C-alpha atoms as a PDB file:
ATOM      1  CA  MET A   1      -6.052 -16.082  13.322  1.00  0.00           C
ATOM      2  CA  SER A   2      -6.383 -18.793  10.719  1.00  0.00           C
ATOM      3  CA  ASP A   3      -4.076 -19.263   7.748  1.00  0.00           C
ATOM      4  CA  PHE A   4      -7.049 -18.613   5.485  1.00  0.00           C
ATOM      5  CA  MET A   5      -7.523 -15.099   6.809  1.00  0.00           C
ATOM      6  CA  SER A   6      -3.873 -14.277   6.178  1.00  0.00           C
ATOM      7  CA  ARG A   7      -3.938 -15.709   2.665  1.00  0.00           C
ATOM      8  CA  ALA A   8      -7.178 -13.951   1.829  1.00  0.00           C
ATOM      9  CA  SER A   9      -5.735 -10.544   2.582  1.00  0.00           C
ATOM     10  CA  LEU A  10      -2.129  -9.919   1.683  1.00  0.00           C
ATOM     11  CA  ALA A  11      -2.448 -12.132  -1.358  1.00  0.00           C
ATOM     12  CA  GLY A  12      -4.746  -9.495  -2.832  1.00  0.00           C
ATOM     13  CA  ALA A  13      -2.540  -6.499  -2.093  1.00  0.00           C
ATOM     14  CA  VAL A  14      -1.795  -4.336  -5.094  1.00  0.00           C
ATOM     15  CA  ASP A  15       1.654  -4.038  -6.629  1.00  0.00           C
ATOM     16  CA  LEU A  16       2.915  -0.757  -5.238  1.00  0.00           C
ATOM     17  CA  SER A  17       5.646  -0.671  -7.856  1.00  0.00           C
ATOM     18  CA  SER A  18       3.032   0.813 -10.180  1.00  0.00           C
ATOM     19  CA  LEU A  19       3.307   4.020  -8.169  1.00  0.00           C
ATOM     20  CA  ARG A  20       7.029   4.471  -8.707  1.00  0.00           C
ATOM     21  CA  LYS A  21       7.917   7.997  -9.662  1.00  0.00           C
ATOM     22  CA  PRO A  22       8.759   8.195 -13.386  1.00  0.00           C
ATOM     23  CA  GLU A  23      12.249   9.265 -14.349  1.00  0.00           C
ATOM     24  CA  ALA A  24      12.411  13.000 -14.880  1.00  0.00           C
ATOM     25  CA  PRO A  25      13.572  14.114 -18.341  1.00  0.00           C
ATOM     26  CA  VAL A  26      17.111  15.481 -18.494  1.00  0.00           C
ATOM     27  CA  GLY A  27      17.039  19.176 -17.788  1.00  0.00           C
ATOM     28  CA  ALA A  28      13.548  19.141 -16.321  1.00  0.00           C
ATOM     29  CA  ALA A  29      12.899  21.530 -13.449  1.00  0.00           C
ATOM     30  CA  ALA A  30      12.689  20.026  -9.986  1.00  0.00           C
ATOM     31  CA  PRO A  31       9.187  19.887  -8.541  1.00  0.00           C
ATOM     32  CA  GLN A  32       8.370  22.614  -6.044  1.00  0.00           C
ATOM     33  CA  THR A  33       7.502  21.776  -2.442  1.00  0.00           C
ATOM     34  CA  SER A  34       3.824  22.329  -1.733  1.00  0.00           C
ATOM     35  CA  SER A  35       2.850  24.569   1.147  1.00  0.00           C
ATOM     36  CA  GLN A  36       0.127  23.028   3.278  1.00  0.00           C
ATOM     37  CA  PRO A  37      -1.378  24.628   6.388  1.00  0.00           C
ATOM     38  CA  GLY A  38       0.745  23.713   9.391  1.00  0.00           C
ATOM     39  CA  LEU A  39       3.622  22.519   7.209  1.00  0.00           C
ATOM     40  CA  ASN A  40       7.094  23.818   7.908  1.00  0.00           C
ATOM     41  CA  GLY A  41       9.299  22.446   5.133  1.00  0.00           C
ATOM     42  CA  ASP A  42       8.798  18.714   5.582  1.00  0.00           C
ATOM     43  CA  LEU A  43       7.443  19.137   9.120  1.00  0.00           C
ATOM     44  CA  LEU A  44       3.734  18.794   9.823  1.00  0.00           C
ATOM     45  CA  LYS A  45       2.328  19.514  13.265  1.00  0.00           C
ATOM     46  CA  LEU A  46      -0.714  17.489  14.279  1.00  0.00           C
ATOM     47  CA  PRO A  47      -2.274  16.606  17.646  1.00  0.00           C
ATOM     48  CA  SER A  48      -1.746  12.876  17.058  1.00  0.00           C
ATOM     49  CA  LEU A  49      -0.350  10.300  14.632  1.00  0.00           C
ATOM     50  CA  ILE A  50      -3.762   8.598  14.696  1.00  0.00           C
ATOM     51  CA  ALA A  51      -6.966  10.352  13.684  1.00  0.00           C
ATOM     52  CA  GLN A  52     -10.656   9.524  13.345  1.00  0.00           C
ATOM     53  CA  GLY A  53     -11.933  10.262   9.862  1.00  0.00           C
ATOM     54  CA  ASN A  54     -15.317  11.350   8.553  1.00  0.00           C
ATOM     55  CA  GLU A  55     -16.809  12.915   5.450  1.00  0.00           C
ATOM     56  CA  THR A  56     -16.101  16.406   6.775  1.00  0.00           C
ATOM     57  CA  ASN A  57     -12.393  16.112   7.519  1.00  0.00           C
ATOM     58  CA  LEU A  58     -11.389  13.701   4.747  1.00  0.00           C
ATOM     59  CA  ARG A  59     -10.335  16.562   2.464  1.00  0.00           C
ATOM     60  CA  ASN A  60      -7.706  17.655   5.000  1.00  0.00           C
ATOM     61  CA  PHE A  61      -6.120  14.210   5.022  1.00  0.00           C
ATOM     62  CA  ILE A  62      -6.136  13.999   1.240  1.00  0.00           C
ATOM     63  CA  ASP A  63      -4.011  17.167   1.314  1.00  0.00           C
ATOM     64  CA  ILE A  64      -1.697  15.639   3.903  1.00  0.00           C
ATOM     65  CA  SER A  65      -1.251  12.572   1.656  1.00  0.00           C
ATOM     66  CA  ASN A  66       0.707  14.820  -0.712  1.00  0.00           C
ATOM     67  CA  GLU A  67       3.418  15.069   1.948  1.00  0.00           C
ATOM     68  CA  LEU A  68       3.463  11.630   3.569  1.00  0.00           C
ATOM     69  CA  PRO A  69       1.524   8.352   3.322  1.00  0.00           C
ATOM     70  CA  VAL A  70      -1.832   8.204   5.058  1.00  0.00           C
ATOM     71  CA  ILE A  71      -2.825   4.679   6.094  1.00  0.00           C
ATOM     72  CA  ILE A  72      -6.613   4.308   6.070  1.00  0.00           C
ATOM     73  CA  GLU A  73      -8.281   1.719   8.281  1.00  0.00           C
ATOM     74  CA  PHE A  74     -11.961   0.851   7.950  1.00  0.00           C
ATOM     75  CA  TYR A  75     -13.053  -0.908  11.132  1.00  0.00           C
ATOM     76  CA  ALA A  76     -16.299  -2.022  12.763  1.00  0.00           C
ATOM     77  CA  GLY A  77     -17.131  -2.357  16.434  1.00  0.00           C
ATOM     78  CA  TRP A  78     -18.769  -5.734  15.865  1.00  0.00           C
ATOM     79  CA  SER A  79     -15.718  -7.189  14.087  1.00  0.00           C
ATOM     80  CA  GLU A  80     -13.322  -9.142  16.272  1.00  0.00           C
ATOM     81  CA  GLN A  81     -10.694  -8.913  13.540  1.00  0.00           C
ATOM     82  CA  SER A  82     -11.024  -5.126  13.570  1.00  0.00           C
ATOM     83  CA  LYS A  83     -10.336  -5.027  17.278  1.00  0.00           C
ATOM     84  CA  ALA A  84      -7.262  -7.198  16.925  1.00  0.00           C
ATOM     85  CA  LEU A  85      -5.936  -5.269  13.922  1.00  0.00           C
ATOM     86  CA  THR A  86      -6.501  -1.757  15.276  1.00  0.00           C
ATOM     87  CA  GLY A  87      -4.004  -2.226  18.082  1.00  0.00           C
ATOM     88  CA  LYS A  88      -1.326  -3.498  15.702  1.00  0.00           C
ATOM     89  CA  LEU A  89      -1.850  -0.598  13.292  1.00  0.00           C
ATOM     90  CA  ALA A  90      -1.640   1.932  16.116  1.00  0.00           C
ATOM     91  CA  LYS A  91       1.518   0.329  17.519  1.00  0.00           C
ATOM     92  CA  LEU A  92       3.273   0.337  14.147  1.00  0.00           C
ATOM     93  CA  THR A  93       2.121   3.874  13.328  1.00  0.00           C
ATOM     94  CA  ASN A  94       3.747   5.130  16.518  1.00  0.00           C
ATOM     95  CA  ALA A  95       6.846   3.027  15.835  1.00  0.00           C
ATOM     96  CA  PHE A  96       7.369   4.765  12.493  1.00  0.00           C
ATOM     97  CA  ALA A  97       7.693   8.029  14.430  1.00  0.00           C
ATOM     98  CA  GLY A  98       5.706  10.445  12.316  1.00  0.00           C
ATOM     99  CA  ARG A  99       6.517   9.113   8.856  1.00  0.00           C
ATOM    100  CA  ILE A 100       2.959   7.815   8.413  1.00  0.00           C
ATOM    101  CA  LEU A 101      -0.463   8.897   9.623  1.00  0.00           C
ATOM    102  CA  LEU A 102      -3.183   6.419  10.557  1.00  0.00           C
ATOM    103  CA  LEU A 103      -6.688   7.561   9.613  1.00  0.00           C
ATOM    104  CA  GLN A 104      -9.485   5.406  11.038  1.00  0.00           C
ATOM    105  CA  PHE A 105     -13.043   5.208   9.716  1.00  0.00           C
ATOM    106  CA  ASP A 106     -15.914   3.461  11.453  1.00  0.00           C
ATOM    107  CA  LEU A 107     -17.377   1.528   8.523  1.00  0.00           C
ATOM    108  CA  ASP A 108     -20.959   1.732   9.777  1.00  0.00           C
ATOM    109  CA  SER A 109     -20.810   5.484  10.430  1.00  0.00           C
ATOM    110  CA  ASN A 110     -19.075   6.374   7.174  1.00  0.00           C
ATOM    111  CA  VAL A 111     -20.992   4.460   4.524  1.00  0.00           C
ATOM    112  CA  ASN A 112     -20.472   7.081   1.824  1.00  0.00           C
ATOM    113  CA  VAL A 113     -16.727   7.231   2.459  1.00  0.00           C
ATOM    114  CA  ALA A 114     -16.537   3.441   2.309  1.00  0.00           C
ATOM    115  CA  LYS A 115     -18.379   3.443  -1.015  1.00  0.00           C
ATOM    116  CA  ALA A 116     -16.010   6.077  -2.377  1.00  0.00           C
ATOM    117  CA  PHE A 117     -13.060   3.853  -1.496  1.00  0.00           C
ATOM    118  CA  LYS A 118     -14.916   0.732  -2.731  1.00  0.00           C
ATOM    119  CA  VAL A 119     -14.725  -0.859   0.699  1.00  0.00           C
ATOM    120  CA  GLY A 120     -17.417  -3.339   1.670  1.00  0.00           C
ATOM    121  CA  SER A 121     -16.079  -5.161   4.710  1.00  0.00           C
ATOM    122  CA  ALA A 122     -14.130  -4.560   7.901  1.00  0.00           C
ATOM    123  CA  PRO A 123     -11.322  -4.485   8.589  1.00  0.00           C
ATOM    124  CA  THR A 124      -9.896  -3.127   5.347  1.00  0.00           C
ATOM    125  CA  VAL A 125      -6.646  -1.160   5.065  1.00  0.00           C
ATOM    126  CA  LEU A 126      -5.563   1.157   2.254  1.00  0.00           C
ATOM    127  CA  ALA A 127      -2.820   3.694   1.695  1.00  0.00           C
ATOM    128  CA  LEU A 128      -3.540   7.205   0.474  1.00  0.00           C
ATOM    129  CA  LEU A 129      -0.618   8.485  -1.608  1.00  0.00           C
ATOM    130  CA  LYS A 130      -0.931  11.900  -3.181  1.00  0.00           C
ATOM    131  CA  GLY A 131      -4.690  11.537  -3.050  1.00  0.00           C
ATOM    132  CA  GLN A 132      -4.635   8.111  -4.705  1.00  0.00           C
ATOM    133  CA  PRO A 133      -6.116   5.224  -2.680  1.00  0.00           C
ATOM    134  CA  VAL A 134      -4.112   1.999  -2.862  1.00  0.00           C
ATOM    135  CA  PRO A 135      -5.674  -1.193  -1.410  1.00  0.00           C
ATOM    136  CA  LEU A 136      -3.247  -2.962   0.944  1.00  0.00           C
ATOM    137  CA  PHE A 137      -5.064  -5.828   2.661  1.00  0.00           C
ATOM    138  CA  GLU A 138      -8.270  -7.037   4.295  1.00  0.00           C
ATOM    139  CA  GLY A 139      -8.702  -8.861   7.572  1.00  0.00           C
ATOM    140  CA  ASP A 140      -6.390  -9.178  10.540  1.00  0.00           C
ATOM    141  CA  GLN A 141      -2.688  -9.750   9.816  1.00  0.00           C
ATOM    142  CA  PRO A 142       0.453 -10.718  11.735  1.00  0.00           C
ATOM    143  CA  GLU A 143       2.261  -7.615  12.934  1.00  0.00           C
ATOM    144  CA  GLU A 144       5.446  -8.499  11.063  1.00  0.00           C
ATOM    145  CA  ASN A 145       3.516  -8.710   7.765  1.00  0.00           C
ATOM    146  CA  ILE A 146       1.963  -5.305   8.322  1.00  0.00           C
ATOM    147  CA  GLN A 147       5.386  -3.830   9.041  1.00  0.00           C
ATOM    148  CA  VAL A 148       6.695  -5.124   5.710  1.00  0.00           C
ATOM    149  CA  VAL A 149       3.740  -3.533   3.903  1.00  0.00           C
ATOM    150  CA  PHE A 150       4.270  -0.196   5.705  1.00  0.00           C
ATOM    151  CA  GLU A 151       7.986  -0.223   4.857  1.00  0.00           C
ATOM    152  CA  ARG A 152       7.133  -0.800   1.206  1.00  0.00           C
ATOM    153  CA  VAL A 153       4.634   2.060   1.264  1.00  0.00           C
ATOM    154  CA  LEU A 154       7.294   4.347   2.738  1.00  0.00           C
ATOM    155  CA  GLU A 155       9.808   3.269   0.096  1.00  0.00           C
ATOM    156  CA  ILE A 156       7.431   4.136  -2.725  1.00  0.00           C
ATOM    157  CA  SER A 157       6.437   7.379  -0.987  1.00  0.00           C
ATOM    158  CA  ALA A 158      10.069   8.454  -0.763  1.00  0.00           C
ATOM    159  CA  GLU A 159      10.544   7.742  -4.462  1.00  0.00           C
ATOM    160  CA  ASN A 160       7.633  10.095  -5.105  1.00  0.00           C
ATOM    161  CA  GLY A 161       9.067  12.857  -2.927  1.00  0.00           C
ATOM    162  CA  MET A 162       6.695  12.238  -0.009  1.00  0.00           C
ATOM    163  CA  THR A 163       9.106  12.560   2.889  1.00  0.00           C
ATOM    164  CA  GLY A 164       7.129  14.680   5.297  1.00  0.00           C
ATOM    165  CA  VAL A 165       7.293  13.983   9.019  1.00  0.00           C
ATOM    166  CA  ILE A 166       4.618  14.638  11.620  1.00  0.00           C
ATOM    167  CA  THR A 167       5.508  16.138  14.967  1.00  0.00           C
ATOM    168  CA  VAL A 168       2.878  15.704  17.647  1.00  0.00           C
ATOM    169  CA  GLU A 169       1.835  18.943  19.293  1.00  0.00           C
ATOM    170  CA  GLU A 170       2.100  19.064  23.053  1.00  0.00           C
ATOM    171  CA  PRO A 171      -1.256  18.639  24.812  1.00  0.00           C
ATOM    172  CA  THR A 172      -2.876  21.889  25.927  1.00  0.00           C
ATOM    173  CA  GLY A 173      -4.288  20.547  29.167  1.00  0.00           C
ATOM    174  CA  GLU A 174      -7.595  19.198  27.890  1.00  0.00           C
ATOM    175  CA  GLN A 175      -9.221  16.657  30.165  1.00  0.00           C
ATOM    176  CA  LEU A 176      -8.278  13.091  29.299  1.00  0.00           C
ATOM    177  CA  PRO A 177     -11.021  10.545  28.590  1.00  0.00           C
ATOM    178  CA  PRO A 178     -12.161   8.733  31.723  1.00  0.00           C
ATOM    179  CA  ALA A 179     -10.291   5.536  32.494  1.00  0.00           C
ATOM    180  CA  LEU A 180     -12.047   2.217  32.015  1.00  0.00           C
ATOM    181  CA  PRO A 181     -13.379   0.475  35.118  1.00  0.00           C
ATOM    182  CA  PRO A 182     -10.693  -1.887  36.499  1.00  0.00           C
ATOM    183  CA  ARG A 183     -12.493  -5.068  35.412  1.00  0.00           C
ATOM    184  CA  HIS A 184     -12.969  -3.766  31.890  1.00  0.00           C
ATOM    185  CA  GLN A 185      -9.353  -2.657  31.634  1.00  0.00           C
ATOM    186  CA  ALA A 186      -8.176  -6.046  32.875  1.00  0.00           C
ATOM    187  CA  ALA A 187     -10.363  -7.741  30.266  1.00  0.00           C
ATOM    188  CA  TYR A 188      -8.996  -5.525  27.475  1.00  0.00           C
ATOM    189  CA  ASP A 189      -5.437  -6.253  28.591  1.00  0.00           C
ATOM    190  CA  ALA A 190      -6.183  -9.980  28.639  1.00  0.00           C
ATOM    191  CA  ILE A 191      -7.561  -9.858  25.090  1.00  0.00           C
ATOM    192  CA  ASP A 192      -4.488  -7.939  23.906  1.00  0.00           C
ATOM    193  CA  ALA A 193      -2.351 -10.684  25.462  1.00  0.00           C
ATOM    194  CA  GLY A 194      -4.420 -13.411  23.789  1.00  0.00           C
ATOM    195  CA  ASP A 195      -5.737 -14.683  27.123  1.00  0.00           C
ATOM    196  CA  TYR A 196      -9.398 -14.834  26.184  1.00  0.00           C
ATOM    197  CA  ALA A 197     -10.314 -17.068  29.138  1.00  0.00           C
ATOM    198  CA  GLU A 198      -9.068 -14.431  31.558  1.00  0.00           C
ATOM    199  CA  ALA A 199     -11.078 -11.803  29.674  1.00  0.00           C
ATOM    200  CA  VAL A 200     -14.179 -13.964  30.200  1.00  0.00           C
ATOM    201  CA  ASN A 201     -13.368 -14.184  33.924  1.00  0.00           C
ATOM    202  CA  GLN A 202     -13.014 -10.410  34.220  1.00  0.00           C
ATOM    203  CA  TYR A 203     -16.227  -9.647  32.359  1.00  0.00           C
ATOM    204  CA  GLU A 204     -18.146 -12.251  34.379  1.00  0.00           C
ATOM    205  CA  ALA A 205     -16.819 -10.667  37.565  1.00  0.00           C
ATOM    206  CA  ALA A 206     -17.890  -7.225  36.326  1.00  0.00           C
ATOM    207  CA  ILE A 207     -21.408  -8.497  35.635  1.00  0.00           C
ATOM    208  CA  LYS A 208     -21.568 -10.132  39.054  1.00  0.00           C
ATOM    209  CA  GLU A 209     -20.668  -6.787  40.612  1.00  0.00           C
ATOM    210  CA  ASN A 210     -23.139  -4.914  38.407  1.00  0.00           C
ATOM    211  CA  PRO A 211     -25.743  -7.052  36.601  1.00  0.00           C
ATOM    212  CA  ALA A 212     -26.848  -3.976  34.613  1.00  0.00           C
ATOM    213  CA  ASP A 213     -23.387  -3.498  33.051  1.00  0.00           C
ATOM    214  CA  SER A 214     -24.325  -3.784  29.372  1.00  0.00           C
ATOM    215  CA  LEU A 215     -20.775  -3.083  28.207  1.00  0.00           C
ATOM    216  CA  ALA A 216     -19.513  -6.006  30.244  1.00  0.00           C
ATOM    217  CA  ALA A 217     -22.232  -8.223  28.769  1.00  0.00           C
ATOM    218  CA  ALA A 218     -21.156  -7.239  25.243  1.00  0.00           C
ATOM    219  CA  GLY A 219     -17.511  -7.738  26.135  1.00  0.00           C
ATOM    220  CA  LEU A 220     -18.250 -11.169  27.577  1.00  0.00           C
ATOM    221  CA  ALA A 221     -20.007 -12.216  24.370  1.00  0.00           C
ATOM    222  CA  GLN A 222     -17.044 -10.963  22.332  1.00  0.00           C
ATOM    223  CA  ALA A 223     -14.490 -12.780  24.481  1.00  0.00           C
ATOM    224  CA  LYS A 224     -16.460 -16.028  24.222  1.00  0.00           C
ATOM    225  CA  LEU A 225     -16.623 -15.581  20.445  1.00  0.00           C
ATOM    226  CA  LEU A 226     -12.839 -15.242  20.349  1.00  0.00           C
ATOM    227  CA  ILE A 227     -12.500 -18.510  22.248  1.00  0.00           C
ATOM    228  CA  ARG A 228     -14.931 -20.358  19.979  1.00  0.00           C
ATOM    229  CA  THR A 229     -13.282 -19.153  16.775  1.00  0.00           C
ATOM    230  CA  SER A 230      -9.679 -19.473  17.896  1.00  0.00           C
ATOM    231  CA  GLY A 231      -7.855 -21.849  15.577  1.00  0.00           C
ATOM    232  CA  ILE A 232     -10.795 -22.764  13.347  1.00  0.00           C
ATOM    233  CA  ASP A 233     -10.421 -23.209   9.591  1.00  0.00           C
ATOM    234  CA  PHE A 234     -12.337 -20.124   8.444  1.00  0.00           C
ATOM    235  CA  GLU A 235     -12.253 -21.063   4.772  1.00  0.00           C
ATOM    236  CA  LYS A 236     -13.782 -24.463   5.461  1.00  0.00           C
ATOM    237  CA  VAL A 237     -16.361 -23.225   7.969  1.00  0.00           C
ATOM    238  CA  LEU A 238     -17.509 -20.220   5.923  1.00  0.00           C
ATOM    239  CA  GLY A 239     -17.972 -22.428   2.870  1.00  0.00           C
ATOM    240  CA  SER A 240     -19.858 -25.150   4.724  1.00  0.00           C
ATOM    241  CA  ALA A 241     -23.549 -26.088   4.563  1.00  0.00           C
ATOM    242  CA  PRO A 242     -24.354 -26.754   8.239  1.00  0.00           C
ATOM    243  CA  ALA A 243     -26.538 -29.770   9.003  1.00  0.00           C
ATOM    244  CA  THR A 244     -26.582 -29.618  12.812  1.00  0.00           C
ATOM    245  CA  ALA A 245     -27.007 -26.998  15.500  1.00  0.00           C
ATOM    246  CA  GLU A 246     -23.298 -27.208  16.318  1.00  0.00           C
ATOM    247  CA  GLU A 247     -22.270 -26.678  12.707  1.00  0.00           C
ATOM    248  CA  THR A 248     -24.790 -23.841  12.383  1.00  0.00           C
ATOM    249  CA  THR A 249     -23.542 -21.942  15.424  1.00  0.00           C
ATOM    250  CA  LEU A 250     -19.911 -22.417  14.373  1.00  0.00           C
ATOM    251  CA  LYS A 251     -20.574 -20.971  10.920  1.00  0.00           C
ATOM    252  CA  ALA A 252     -22.477 -18.079  12.499  1.00  0.00           C
ATOM    253  CA  ASP A 253     -19.505 -17.443  14.787  1.00  0.00           C
ATOM    254  CA  ALA A 254     -17.132 -17.440  11.817  1.00  0.00           C
ATOM    255  CA  CYS A 255     -19.331 -14.968   9.946  1.00  0.00           C
ATOM    256  CA  MET A 256     -19.447 -12.703  12.986  1.00  0.00           C
ATOM    257  CA  ALA A 257     -15.693 -12.897  13.500  1.00  0.00           C
ATOM    258  CA  VAL A 258     -14.938 -11.786   9.926  1.00  0.00           C
ATOM    259  CA  GLY A 259     -17.351  -8.872  10.144  1.00  0.00           C
ATOM    260  CA  HIS A 260     -20.571 -10.126   8.555  1.00  0.00           C
ATOM    261  CA  PRO A 261     -23.240  -9.964  11.286  1.00  0.00           C
ATOM    262  CA  ALA A 262     -26.173 -10.153   8.863  1.00  0.00           C
ATOM    263  CA  GLN A 263     -24.870 -13.446   7.472  1.00  0.00           C
ATOM    264  CA  ALA A 264     -24.245 -14.712  10.997  1.00  0.00           C
ATOM    265  CA  PHE A 265     -27.811 -13.978  12.045  1.00  0.00           C
ATOM    266  CA  SER A 266     -29.261 -15.414   8.825  1.00  0.00           C
ATOM    267  CA  THR A 267     -27.307 -18.653   9.268  1.00  0.00           C
ATOM    268  CA  ILE A 268     -28.967 -19.318  12.614  1.00  0.00           C
ATOM    269  CA  LEU A 269     -32.415 -18.028  11.666  1.00  0.00           C
ATOM    270  CA  THR A 270     -32.552 -20.218   8.560  1.00  0.00           C
ATOM    271  CA  ARG A 271     -32.080 -23.382  10.600  1.00  0.00           C
ATOM    272  CA  PHE A 272     -34.173 -22.070  13.487  1.00  0.00           C
ATOM    273  CA  ALA A 273     -37.180 -21.924  11.175  1.00  0.00           C
ATOM    274  CA  THR A 274     -36.954 -25.640  10.385  1.00  0.00           C
ATOM    275  CA  VAL A 275     -36.239 -27.295  13.761  1.00  0.00           C
ATOM    276  CA  PHE A 276     -38.042 -27.729  17.065  1.00  0.00           C
ATOM    277  CA  GLY A 277     -37.473 -28.639  20.684  1.00  0.00           C
ATOM    278  CA  ASP A 278     -34.072 -28.483  22.363  1.00  0.00           C
ATOM    279  CA  GLU A 279     -32.171 -27.637  19.182  1.00  0.00           C
ATOM    280  CA  ARG A 280     -34.336 -24.587  18.665  1.00  0.00           C
ATOM    281  CA  GLU A 281     -33.555 -23.361  22.173  1.00  0.00           C
ATOM    282  CA  VAL A 282     -29.810 -23.847  21.613  1.00  0.00           C
ATOM    283  CA  LEU A 283     -30.005 -21.772  18.449  1.00  0.00           C
ATOM    284  CA  ARG A 284     -32.110 -19.067  20.100  1.00  0.00           C
ATOM    285  CA  LYS A 285     -29.682 -18.616  23.011  1.00  0.00           C
ATOM    286  CA  HIS A 286     -26.699 -18.509  20.680  1.00  0.00           C
ATOM    287  CA  LEU A 287     -28.357 -15.911  18.477  1.00  0.00           C
ATOM    288  CA  LEU A 288     -29.166 -13.730  21.476  1.00  0.00           C
ATOM    289  CA  GLU A 289     -25.511 -13.864  22.515  1.00  0.00           C
ATOM    290  CA  LEU A 290     -24.420 -12.754  19.061  1.00  0.00           C
ATOM    291  CA  PHE A 291     -26.943  -9.913  19.272  1.00  0.00           C
ATOM    292  CA  LEU A 292     -24.952  -8.534  22.221  1.00  0.00           C
ATOM    293  CA  ILE A 293     -21.877  -8.079  20.037  1.00  0.00           C
ATOM    294  CA  CYS A 294     -23.642  -6.019  17.377  1.00  0.00           C
ATOM    295  CA  PRO A 295     -24.120  -2.277  18.118  1.00  0.00           C
ATOM    296  CA  PRO A 296     -27.765  -1.679  19.087  1.00  0.00           C
ATOM    297  CA  ASP A 297     -28.383   0.867  16.311  1.00  0.00           C
ATOM    298  CA  GLN A 298     -27.353  -1.416  13.450  1.00  0.00           C
ATOM    299  CA  PRO A 299     -30.117  -2.248  10.925  1.00  0.00           C
ATOM    300  CA  GLU A 300     -28.906  -5.869  10.680  1.00  0.00           C
ATOM    301  CA  LEU A 301     -29.664  -6.317  14.361  1.00  0.00           C
ATOM    302  CA  ALA A 302     -33.151  -4.829  14.110  1.00  0.00           C
ATOM    303  CA  ASP A 303     -33.959  -7.011  11.089  1.00  0.00           C
ATOM    304  CA  ALA A 304     -32.757 -10.164  12.829  1.00  0.00           C
ATOM    305  CA  ARG A 305     -34.742  -9.375  15.968  1.00  0.00           C
ATOM    306  CA  ARG A 306     -37.905  -8.936  13.908  1.00  0.00           C
ATOM    307  CA  GLN A 307     -37.306 -12.242  12.124  1.00  0.00           C
ATOM    308  CA  LEU A 308     -36.721 -14.047  15.399  1.00  0.00           C
ATOM    309  CA  ALA A 309     -39.881 -12.584  16.917  1.00  0.00           C
ATOM    310  CA  ALA A 310     -41.919 -13.644  13.883  1.00  0.00           C
ATOM    311  CA  LEU A 311     -40.596 -17.209  14.138  1.00  0.00           C
ATOM    312  CA  LEU A 312     -41.268 -17.374  17.862  1.00  0.00           C
ATOM    313  CA  TYR A 313     -44.751 -15.927  17.861  1.00  0.00           C
END
């Protein structure tokens, strides 16, 4: 991930010192421990340290944030940064052994929740402390930076009496989700290891075995995007005014990688409308590959497809 993406995120984190617990007046009564459902003293039993949030269950997690910090992640399936960040957040959440809860929201499926938290892009991470949302950072981050932020959140939480600990309930024998096909699992493992070329090989092999494998086609497009955007100067590319097909596709890739598919599509379509011949075909093929990364039910995708069809016919 580029230096720009790191600077653009943690540099905007709020000063958590503003949440320090005020000194209690001499002789003041100690605050009473709240009694939440499932809470036994400071012990909270939940099925997992990581949960999927929605408008319906958000209230429950606001209550839990009175006992321990809830880390909120807004992610998007079309965002490569989201995919990279989600694994780091999950790893660190488990490493903190029940002292934090990770609550994940699909940005596209929880528009109203995102608006309530004033979140407009993915990935975005906040902390929920006693019902108060605290912005932490945007974009993918190095794992060691995230750990520092989590430790600071825990420090402030402890100062505010939020020392609850989650214990994970033993599974009751429910059927586990089906395992990924071997090629897909190998591709995911390769991406986690940063070996994007191997991920491309695995997805290409999966498509060769089953040409109708749409998930492999989407995964292949995502892995190729990771290769194309690896090491680029995002700040420079996103602020550029492309004058060639190569510059146009690179800016579109950068937009897609930071979670702005509509801008990615518009970048290509704008130039597509003004050129002809071989360059137009290069742009068309690149746009179709980016289409594969975007979930099929997203309005940005439908709009871009209509614009492309109008320009073609």
